[in-house]
């Protein structure tokens, strides 16, 4: 991708999902509540002028993304 805005758009909120997987303790991971926490993150993106994607976020979509990242984490670490 040669457009920085497109890179940002593709990166966020995926980066937030990856952070959830890597830094949240097992007991604090709650896939059903993550979209609610993501709304707060969207406000942070807005304040900083970050281009972010909300179209791919649908019921179950972000949870599936987190599960995939968790699977990769378990393989890589």
N, C-alpha and C. Protein backbone atom coordinates (compact mmCIF):
# COMPACT_ATOMS: atom_id res chain seq x y z
N UNK A 1 0.84 -1.17 0.00
CA UNK A 1 0.00 0.00 0.00
C UNK A 1 0.88 1.23 0.00
N UNK A 2 0.58 2.13 -0.87
CA UNK A 2 1.41 3.33 -0.97
C UNK A 2 0.73 4.56 -0.38
N UNK A 3 -0.43 4.38 0.24
CA UNK A 3 -1.16 5.49 0.81
C UNK A 3 -1.19 5.33 2.34
N UNK A 4 -0.54 6.23 3.08
CA UNK A 4 -0.49 6.11 4.55
C UNK A 4 -1.88 6.09 5.20
N UNK A 5 -2.84 6.81 4.63
CA UNK A 5 -4.19 6.79 5.19
C UNK A 5 -4.82 5.41 5.06
N UNK A 6 -4.56 4.73 3.96
CA UNK A 6 -5.08 3.38 3.75
C UNK A 6 -4.42 2.39 4.71
N UNK A 7 -3.12 2.56 4.94
CA UNK A 7 -2.42 1.71 5.89
C UNK A 7 -3.03 1.87 7.28
N UNK A 8 -3.23 3.12 7.70
CA UNK A 8 -3.88 3.36 9.00
C UNK A 8 -5.24 2.70 9.06
N UNK A 9 -6.02 2.88 8.00
CA UNK A 9 -7.37 2.34 7.94
C UNK A 9 -7.36 0.81 8.07
N UNK A 10 -6.38 0.17 7.46
CA UNK A 10 -6.29 -1.27 7.53
C UNK A 10 -5.72 -1.74 8.88
N UNK A 11 -4.92 -0.92 9.51
CA UNK A 11 -4.27 -1.28 10.76
C UNK A 11 -5.18 -1.15 11.98
N UNK A 12 -6.02 -0.13 11.97
CA UNK A 12 -6.89 0.13 13.13
C UNK A 12 -8.31 -0.27 12.81
N UNK A 13 -8.99 -1.03 13.64
CA UNK A 13 -8.71 -1.41 15.01
C UNK A 13 -8.01 -2.75 15.17
N UNK A 14 -7.46 -3.32 14.10
CA UNK A 14 -6.77 -4.60 14.24
C UNK A 14 -5.67 -4.54 15.29
N UNK A 15 -4.97 -3.42 15.34
CA UNK A 15 -3.90 -3.27 16.32
C UNK A 15 -4.46 -3.32 17.75
N UNK A 16 -5.63 -2.77 17.95
CA UNK A 16 -6.27 -2.84 19.27
C UNK A 16 -6.62 -4.28 19.63
N UNK A 17 -7.10 -5.04 18.65
CA UNK A 17 -7.43 -6.46 18.89
C UNK A 17 -6.17 -7.25 19.23
N UNK A 18 -5.10 -6.97 18.51
CA UNK A 18 -3.84 -7.66 18.79
C UNK A 18 -3.34 -7.31 20.19
N UNK A 19 -3.45 -6.05 20.57
CA UNK A 19 -3.04 -5.62 21.91
C UNK A 19 -3.86 -6.32 22.98
N UNK A 20 -5.14 -6.48 22.72
CA UNK A 20 -6.02 -7.19 23.66
C UNK A 20 -5.50 -8.60 23.90
N UNK A 21 -5.11 -9.26 22.85
CA UNK A 21 -4.64 -10.64 22.95
C UNK A 21 -3.30 -10.71 23.68
N UNK A 22 -2.40 -9.81 23.34
CA UNK A 22 -1.04 -9.90 23.88
C UNK A 22 -0.92 -9.43 25.32
N UNK A 23 -1.68 -8.40 25.71
CA UNK A 23 -1.46 -7.81 27.02
C UNK A 23 -2.52 -8.09 28.07
N UNK A 24 -3.71 -8.46 27.65
CA UNK A 24 -4.76 -8.74 28.64
C UNK A 24 -4.51 -10.12 29.26
N UNK A 25 -4.69 -10.20 30.56
CA UNK A 25 -4.57 -11.51 31.21
C UNK A 25 -5.74 -12.38 30.77
N UNK A 26 -5.58 -13.67 30.90
CA UNK A 26 -6.62 -14.60 30.47
C UNK A 26 -7.95 -14.30 31.14
N UNK A 27 -7.92 -13.96 32.41
CA UNK A 27 -9.18 -13.70 33.13
C UNK A 27 -9.83 -12.39 32.70
N UNK A 28 -9.05 -11.46 32.12
CA UNK A 28 -9.60 -10.17 31.69
C UNK A 28 -10.06 -10.17 30.24
N UNK A 29 -9.79 -11.24 29.52
CA UNK A 29 -10.22 -11.31 28.12
C UNK A 29 -11.69 -11.66 28.08
N UNK A 30 -12.44 -10.80 27.44
CA UNK A 30 -13.87 -11.04 27.28
C UNK A 30 -14.25 -10.58 25.88
N UNK A 31 -14.40 -11.53 24.97
CA UNK A 31 -14.63 -11.20 23.58
C UNK A 31 -15.95 -10.45 23.37
N UNK A 32 -16.94 -10.73 24.20
CA UNK A 32 -18.23 -10.07 24.04
C UNK A 32 -18.16 -8.60 24.47
N UNK A 33 -17.29 -8.28 25.42
CA UNK A 33 -17.17 -6.90 25.90
C UNK A 33 -16.18 -6.07 25.09
N UNK A 34 -15.35 -6.73 24.29
CA UNK A 34 -14.32 -6.00 23.55
C UNK A 34 -14.92 -4.93 22.64
N UNK A 35 -15.99 -5.19 21.89
CA UNK A 35 -16.56 -4.12 21.06
C UNK A 35 -16.98 -2.89 21.86
N UNK A 36 -17.42 -3.07 23.09
CA UNK A 36 -17.78 -1.91 23.92
C UNK A 36 -16.53 -1.12 24.29
N UNK A 37 -15.45 -1.82 24.61
CA UNK A 37 -14.19 -1.14 24.91
C UNK A 37 -13.64 -0.46 23.66
N UNK A 38 -13.92 -1.05 22.53
CA UNK A 38 -13.44 -0.49 21.27
C UNK A 38 -14.07 0.87 20.98
N UNK A 39 -15.29 1.07 21.44
CA UNK A 39 -15.95 2.38 21.25
C UNK A 39 -15.14 3.49 21.90
N UNK A 40 -14.58 3.22 23.07
CA UNK A 40 -13.71 4.19 23.73
C UNK A 40 -12.46 4.41 22.90
N UNK A 41 -11.95 3.34 22.34
CA UNK A 41 -10.75 3.44 21.50
C UNK A 41 -11.04 4.27 20.25
N UNK A 42 -12.23 4.13 19.68
CA UNK A 42 -12.61 4.94 18.52
C UNK A 42 -12.54 6.43 18.86
N UNK A 43 -12.95 6.79 20.07
CA UNK A 43 -12.89 8.19 20.49
C UNK A 43 -11.43 8.66 20.54
N UNK A 44 -10.55 7.79 21.00
CA UNK A 44 -9.12 8.13 21.01
C UNK A 44 -8.60 8.31 19.59
N UNK A 45 -9.02 7.42 18.69
CA UNK A 45 -8.61 7.56 17.29
C UNK A 45 -9.07 8.90 16.74
N UNK A 46 -10.31 9.27 17.02
CA UNK A 46 -10.86 10.54 16.54
C UNK A 46 -10.04 11.72 17.05
N UNK A 47 -9.72 11.70 18.32
CA UNK A 47 -8.94 12.80 18.91
C UNK A 47 -7.58 12.96 18.24
N UNK A 48 -7.03 11.86 17.80
CA UNK A 48 -5.69 11.89 17.19
C UNK A 48 -5.72 11.95 15.67
N UNK A 49 -6.91 11.97 15.09
CA UNK A 49 -7.03 12.05 13.64
C UNK A 49 -6.63 10.79 12.91
N UNK A 50 -6.79 9.64 13.57
CA UNK A 50 -6.43 8.36 12.97
C UNK A 50 -7.54 7.90 12.03
N UNK A 51 -7.15 7.41 10.86
CA UNK A 51 -8.11 6.82 9.92
C UNK A 51 -8.31 5.37 10.34
N UNK A 52 -9.54 4.98 10.63
CA UNK A 52 -9.79 3.63 11.13
C UNK A 52 -11.02 3.01 10.49
N UNK A 53 -11.07 1.70 10.51
CA UNK A 53 -12.11 0.92 9.87
C UNK A 53 -13.16 0.49 10.89
N UNK A 54 -14.40 0.76 10.61
CA UNK A 54 -15.49 0.23 11.44
C UNK A 54 -16.38 -0.72 10.63
N UNK A 55 -16.20 -0.75 9.33
CA UNK A 55 -17.07 -1.56 8.47
C UNK A 55 -16.87 -3.06 8.71
N UNK A 56 -15.66 -3.46 9.03
CA UNK A 56 -15.39 -4.88 9.25
C UNK A 56 -15.76 -5.35 10.64
N UNK A 57 -16.19 -4.43 11.49
CA UNK A 57 -16.54 -4.79 12.85
C UNK A 57 -18.03 -5.09 12.89
N UNK A 58 -18.32 -6.35 13.07
CA UNK A 58 -19.71 -6.79 13.16
C UNK A 58 -19.79 -7.81 14.28
N UNK A 59 -20.97 -8.15 14.65
CA UNK A 59 -21.12 -9.10 15.74
C UNK A 59 -20.35 -10.39 15.42
N UNK A 60 -19.44 -10.72 16.30
CA UNK A 60 -18.64 -11.92 16.12
C UNK A 60 -17.37 -11.68 15.32
N UNK A 61 -17.34 -10.64 14.50
CA UNK A 61 -16.19 -10.39 13.65
C UNK A 61 -14.93 -10.08 14.44
N UNK A 62 -15.03 -9.15 15.37
CA UNK A 62 -13.84 -8.77 16.15
C UNK A 62 -13.44 -9.90 17.09
N UNK A 63 -14.42 -10.61 17.62
CA UNK A 63 -14.08 -11.75 18.49
C UNK A 63 -13.32 -12.81 17.71
N UNK A 64 -13.73 -13.05 16.47
CA UNK A 64 -13.03 -14.02 15.63
C UNK A 64 -11.61 -13.55 15.36
N UNK A 65 -11.44 -12.26 15.12
CA UNK A 65 -10.11 -11.70 14.91
C UNK A 65 -9.23 -11.92 16.13
N UNK A 66 -9.78 -11.69 17.31
CA UNK A 66 -9.03 -11.88 18.55
C UNK A 66 -8.66 -13.35 18.73
N UNK A 67 -9.57 -14.23 18.42
CA UNK A 67 -9.28 -15.66 18.52
C UNK A 67 -8.14 -16.03 17.58
N UNK A 68 -8.14 -15.49 16.38
CA UNK A 68 -7.07 -15.78 15.42
C UNK A 68 -5.74 -15.27 15.96
N UNK A 69 -5.73 -14.06 16.51
CA UNK A 69 -4.49 -13.52 17.07
C UNK A 69 -4.02 -14.36 18.25
N UNK A 70 -4.95 -14.84 19.06
CA UNK A 70 -4.59 -15.68 20.20
C UNK A 70 -3.95 -16.97 19.69
N UNK A 71 -4.51 -17.55 18.67
CA UNK A 71 -3.95 -18.76 18.07
C UNK A 71 -2.52 -18.50 17.58
N UNK A 72 -2.32 -17.39 16.88
CA UNK A 72 -0.98 -17.06 16.39
C UNK A 72 -0.01 -16.83 17.54
N UNK A 73 -0.48 -16.15 18.58
CA UNK A 73 0.38 -15.91 19.75
C UNK A 73 0.83 -17.23 20.35
N UNK A 74 -0.08 -18.17 20.47
CA UNK A 74 0.26 -19.46 21.06
C UNK A 74 1.25 -20.24 20.20
N UNK A 75 1.18 -20.06 18.91
CA UNK A 75 2.12 -20.73 18.02
C UNK A 75 3.50 -20.08 18.09
N UNK A 76 3.51 -18.77 18.11
CA UNK A 76 4.78 -18.03 18.01
C UNK A 76 5.54 -17.93 19.32
N UNK A 77 4.85 -17.97 20.43
CA UNK A 77 5.54 -17.77 21.73
C UNK A 77 5.77 -19.06 22.47
